[in-house]
Amino acid sequence: MKKLVYFIVVGAATLGASAPANAQFAVRMACYSDMQKLCPTEFSARDQDKMRVCLRANLSKASESCQKAVRAQMAADKRD
C-alpha cells in the first residue's frame, strides 16, 4: 500500500505540469501492477530509469491499459 501511495503522490505532483509529465502519471497509474510483476527488482529499488527500460522491454506482456499509457507517454515525449 505504501508503494501505491508513493506512486500516487509522486504522480499527483505532476498534474499541473506538461503533457509528458501527465503522461508519466498515467503510466504510473495504469502500469503499477505490471511493473510489480514484470520488473520486480527495478520496482523494489524505485529506480525510475531502470523501470522505464524494463517496462518498455516487456511492453508486449503488459496489460492493454498499460500498453496504451506507455505509447501515449512515448508520443508526448516525442512532441517535446
N, C-alpha and C. Protein backbone atom coordinates (compact mmCIF):
# COMPACT_ATOMS: atom_id res chain seq x y z
N MET A 1 0.83 -1.19 0.00
CA MET A 1 0.00 0.00 0.00
C MET A 1 0.87 1.26 0.00
N LYS A 2 1.98 1.23 0.74
CA LYS A 2 2.87 2.39 0.78
C LYS A 2 3.41 2.71 -0.60
N LYS A 3 3.70 1.65 -1.38
CA LYS A 3 4.23 1.86 -2.72
C LYS A 3 3.19 2.52 -3.61
N LEU A 4 1.94 2.11 -3.47
CA LEU A 4 0.88 2.72 -4.26
C LEU A 4 0.75 4.20 -3.90
N VAL A 5 0.79 4.49 -2.62
CA VAL A 5 0.70 5.88 -2.17
C VAL A 5 1.88 6.67 -2.73
N TYR A 6 3.07 6.09 -2.72
CA TYR A 6 4.26 6.74 -3.27
C TYR A 6 4.04 7.12 -4.72
N PHE A 7 3.57 6.19 -5.53
CA PHE A 7 3.35 6.46 -6.94
C PHE A 7 2.25 7.49 -7.15
N ILE A 8 1.22 7.44 -6.35
CA ILE A 8 0.13 8.41 -6.48
C ILE A 8 0.61 9.80 -6.09
N VAL A 9 1.34 9.91 -4.99
CA VAL A 9 1.83 11.21 -4.53
C VAL A 9 2.82 11.79 -5.53
N VAL A 10 3.76 10.99 -5.96
CA VAL A 10 4.73 11.46 -6.94
C VAL A 10 4.02 11.84 -8.23
N GLY A 11 3.09 11.04 -8.66
CA GLY A 11 2.35 11.33 -9.88
C GLY A 11 1.45 12.55 -9.74
N ALA A 12 0.83 12.72 -8.59
CA ALA A 12 -0.07 13.86 -8.38
C ALA A 12 0.70 15.18 -8.46
N ALA A 13 1.94 15.15 -8.11
CA ALA A 13 2.76 16.36 -8.19
C ALA A 13 2.92 16.83 -9.62
N THR A 14 2.67 15.96 -10.57
CA THR A 14 2.85 16.32 -11.98
C THR A 14 1.56 16.79 -12.64
N LEU A 15 0.45 16.80 -11.93
CA LEU A 15 -0.82 17.12 -12.57
C LEU A 15 -0.85 18.50 -13.22
N GLY A 16 -0.20 19.46 -12.63
CA GLY A 16 -0.18 20.80 -13.21
C GLY A 16 0.97 20.99 -14.18
N ALA A 17 1.68 19.95 -14.49
CA ALA A 17 2.87 20.04 -15.32
C ALA A 17 2.54 19.83 -16.79
N SER A 18 3.58 19.60 -17.56
CA SER A 18 3.45 19.46 -19.01
C SER A 18 2.79 18.15 -19.41
N ALA A 19 2.50 18.04 -20.70
CA ALA A 19 1.88 16.83 -21.23
C ALA A 19 2.72 15.58 -20.95
N PRO A 20 4.07 15.63 -21.15
CA PRO A 20 4.86 14.44 -20.83
C PRO A 20 4.75 14.03 -19.37
N ALA A 21 4.70 15.01 -18.48
CA ALA A 21 4.58 14.69 -17.06
C ALA A 21 3.22 14.07 -16.76
N ASN A 22 2.18 14.58 -17.39
CA ASN A 22 0.85 13.99 -17.21
C ASN A 22 0.80 12.58 -17.78
N ALA A 23 1.47 12.37 -18.90
CA ALA A 23 1.53 11.03 -19.49
C ALA A 23 2.29 10.09 -18.56
N GLN A 24 3.33 10.59 -17.91
CA GLN A 24 4.10 9.77 -16.97
C GLN A 24 3.22 9.35 -15.80
N PHE A 25 2.39 10.26 -15.32
CA PHE A 25 1.47 9.93 -14.24
C PHE A 25 0.49 8.84 -14.69
N ALA A 26 0.00 8.95 -15.92
CA ALA A 26 -0.92 7.95 -16.46
C ALA A 26 -0.26 6.58 -16.52
N VAL A 27 1.02 6.56 -16.89
CA VAL A 27 1.76 5.29 -16.93
C VAL A 27 1.86 4.71 -15.53
N ARG A 28 2.17 5.52 -14.57
CA ARG A 28 2.28 5.02 -13.18
C ARG A 28 0.98 4.41 -12.71
N MET A 29 -0.12 5.05 -13.04
CA MET A 29 -1.41 4.54 -12.60
C MET A 29 -1.81 3.28 -13.36
N ALA A 30 -1.60 3.28 -14.67
CA ALA A 30 -2.03 2.15 -15.50
C ALA A 30 -1.11 0.94 -15.38
N CYS A 31 0.14 1.19 -15.04
CA CYS A 31 1.15 0.11 -15.08
C CYS A 31 1.64 -0.35 -13.72
N TYR A 32 1.04 0.13 -12.67
CA TYR A 32 1.53 -0.21 -11.33
C TYR A 32 1.68 -1.72 -11.13
N SER A 33 0.63 -2.48 -11.38
CA SER A 33 0.71 -3.93 -11.16
C SER A 33 1.61 -4.60 -12.19
N ASP A 34 1.63 -4.07 -13.41
CA ASP A 34 2.52 -4.62 -14.44
C ASP A 34 3.99 -4.43 -14.04
N MET A 35 4.32 -3.26 -13.49
CA MET A 35 5.69 -3.01 -13.06
C MET A 35 6.09 -3.96 -11.93
N GLN A 36 5.17 -4.18 -11.00
CA GLN A 36 5.45 -5.12 -9.91
C GLN A 36 5.73 -6.52 -10.44
N LYS A 37 4.94 -6.94 -11.42
CA LYS A 37 5.03 -8.30 -11.94
C LYS A 37 6.19 -8.47 -12.91
N LEU A 38 6.36 -7.53 -13.82
CA LEU A 38 7.34 -7.67 -14.90
C LEU A 38 8.73 -7.15 -14.54
N CYS A 39 8.80 -6.23 -13.61
CA CYS A 39 10.08 -5.59 -13.26
C CYS A 39 10.25 -5.50 -11.74
N PRO A 40 10.19 -6.62 -11.04
CA PRO A 40 10.19 -6.57 -9.58
C PRO A 40 11.46 -5.97 -8.95
N THR A 41 12.60 -6.25 -9.53
CA THR A 41 13.85 -5.72 -8.98
C THR A 41 13.90 -4.20 -9.10
N GLU A 42 13.59 -3.71 -10.28
CA GLU A 42 13.60 -2.27 -10.53
C GLU A 42 12.52 -1.57 -9.72
N PHE A 43 11.36 -2.22 -9.61
CA PHE A 43 10.25 -1.67 -8.84
C PHE A 43 10.61 -1.55 -7.37
N SER A 44 11.20 -2.60 -6.81
CA SER A 44 11.59 -2.58 -5.40
C SER A 44 12.64 -1.52 -5.11
N ALA A 45 13.52 -1.31 -6.08
CA ALA A 45 14.58 -0.31 -5.92
C ALA A 45 14.08 1.11 -6.20
N ARG A 46 12.88 1.22 -6.75
CA ARG A 46 12.30 2.52 -7.13
C ARG A 46 13.22 3.29 -8.06
N ASP A 47 13.86 2.56 -8.94
CA ASP A 47 14.76 3.14 -9.92
C ASP A 47 13.95 3.44 -11.17
N GLN A 48 13.53 4.68 -11.32
CA GLN A 48 12.61 5.04 -12.40
C GLN A 48 13.20 4.81 -13.78
N ASP A 49 14.47 5.11 -13.95
CA ASP A 49 15.09 4.90 -15.27
C ASP A 49 15.10 3.43 -15.65
N LYS A 50 15.48 2.57 -14.70
CA LYS A 50 15.52 1.14 -14.98
C LYS A 50 14.11 0.56 -15.13
N MET A 51 13.14 1.11 -14.36
CA MET A 51 11.76 0.65 -14.52
C MET A 51 11.26 0.98 -15.92
N ARG A 52 11.57 2.17 -16.41
CA ARG A 52 11.14 2.58 -17.75
C ARG A 52 11.71 1.64 -18.80
N VAL A 53 13.01 1.35 -18.70
CA VAL A 53 13.67 0.46 -19.66
C VAL A 53 13.05 -0.94 -19.59
N CYS A 54 12.87 -1.45 -18.39
CA CYS A 54 12.31 -2.79 -18.21
C CYS A 54 10.87 -2.86 -18.73
N LEU A 55 10.07 -1.86 -18.40
CA LEU A 55 8.68 -1.88 -18.83
C LEU A 55 8.58 -1.83 -20.34
N ARG A 56 9.37 -0.99 -20.97
CA ARG A 56 9.34 -0.92 -22.44
C ARG A 56 9.83 -2.22 -23.06
N ALA A 57 10.80 -2.88 -22.42
CA ALA A 57 11.30 -4.15 -22.94
C ALA A 57 10.26 -5.26 -22.82
N ASN A 58 9.38 -5.12 -21.84
CA ASN A 58 8.35 -6.14 -21.59
C ASN A 58 6.95 -5.66 -21.95
N LEU A 59 6.87 -4.62 -22.76
CA LEU A 59 5.58 -3.99 -23.04
C LEU A 59 4.56 -4.96 -23.62
N SER A 60 5.00 -5.88 -24.43
CA SER A 60 4.05 -6.83 -25.05
C SER A 60 3.41 -7.75 -24.00
N LYS A 61 4.02 -7.88 -22.84
CA LYS A 61 3.49 -8.72 -21.76
C LYS A 61 2.59 -7.93 -20.80
N ALA A 62 2.59 -6.62 -20.93
CA ALA A 62 1.84 -5.76 -20.02
C ALA A 62 0.36 -5.73 -20.40
N SER A 63 -0.45 -5.24 -19.48
CA SER A 63 -1.89 -5.12 -19.74
C SER A 63 -2.14 -4.12 -20.87
N GLU A 64 -3.31 -4.21 -21.47
CA GLU A 64 -3.64 -3.32 -22.58
C GLU A 64 -3.65 -1.86 -22.13
N SER A 65 -4.18 -1.59 -20.94
CA SER A 65 -4.22 -0.21 -20.45
C SER A 65 -2.81 0.33 -20.22
N CYS A 66 -1.92 -0.50 -19.75
CA CYS A 66 -0.53 -0.10 -19.55
C CYS A 66 0.13 0.18 -20.90
N GLN A 67 -0.08 -0.69 -21.85
CA GLN A 67 0.50 -0.50 -23.19
C GLN A 67 0.06 0.83 -23.79
N LYS A 68 -1.22 1.14 -23.67
CA LYS A 68 -1.75 2.39 -24.21
C LYS A 68 -1.11 3.59 -23.51
N ALA A 69 -0.98 3.52 -22.19
CA ALA A 69 -0.40 4.63 -21.44
C ALA A 69 1.07 4.83 -21.80
N VAL A 70 1.81 3.75 -21.96
CA VAL A 70 3.22 3.85 -22.33
C VAL A 70 3.36 4.45 -23.73
N ARG A 71 2.53 4.01 -24.64
CA ARG A 71 2.59 4.55 -26.01
C ARG A 71 2.23 6.04 -26.03
N ALA A 72 1.27 6.44 -25.21
CA ALA A 72 0.90 7.86 -25.12
C ALA A 72 2.05 8.67 -24.55
N GLN A 73 2.74 8.11 -23.55
CA GLN A 73 3.88 8.81 -22.97
C GLN A 73 5.00 8.95 -24.01
N MET A 74 5.25 7.90 -24.76
CA MET A 74 6.30 7.96 -25.78
C MET A 74 5.96 9.03 -26.82
N ALA A 75 4.70 9.13 -27.20
CA ALA A 75 4.27 10.14 -28.16
C ALA A 75 4.42 11.55 -27.59
N ALA A 76 4.07 11.71 -26.31
CA ALA A 76 4.19 13.02 -25.65
C ALA A 76 5.67 13.42 -25.54
N ASP A 77 6.53 12.45 -25.26
CA ASP A 77 7.97 12.73 -25.17
C ASP A 77 8.52 13.20 -26.51
N LYS A 78 8.01 12.62 -27.59
CA LYS A 78 8.48 13.00 -28.93
C LYS A 78 8.05 14.41 -29.30
N ARG A 79 6.88 14.84 -28.81
CA ARG A 79 6.37 16.17 -29.13
C ARG A 79 7.18 17.27 -28.46
N ASP A 80 7.77 16.97 -27.33
CA ASP A 80 8.54 17.99 -26.60
C ASP A 80 9.95 18.13 -27.07
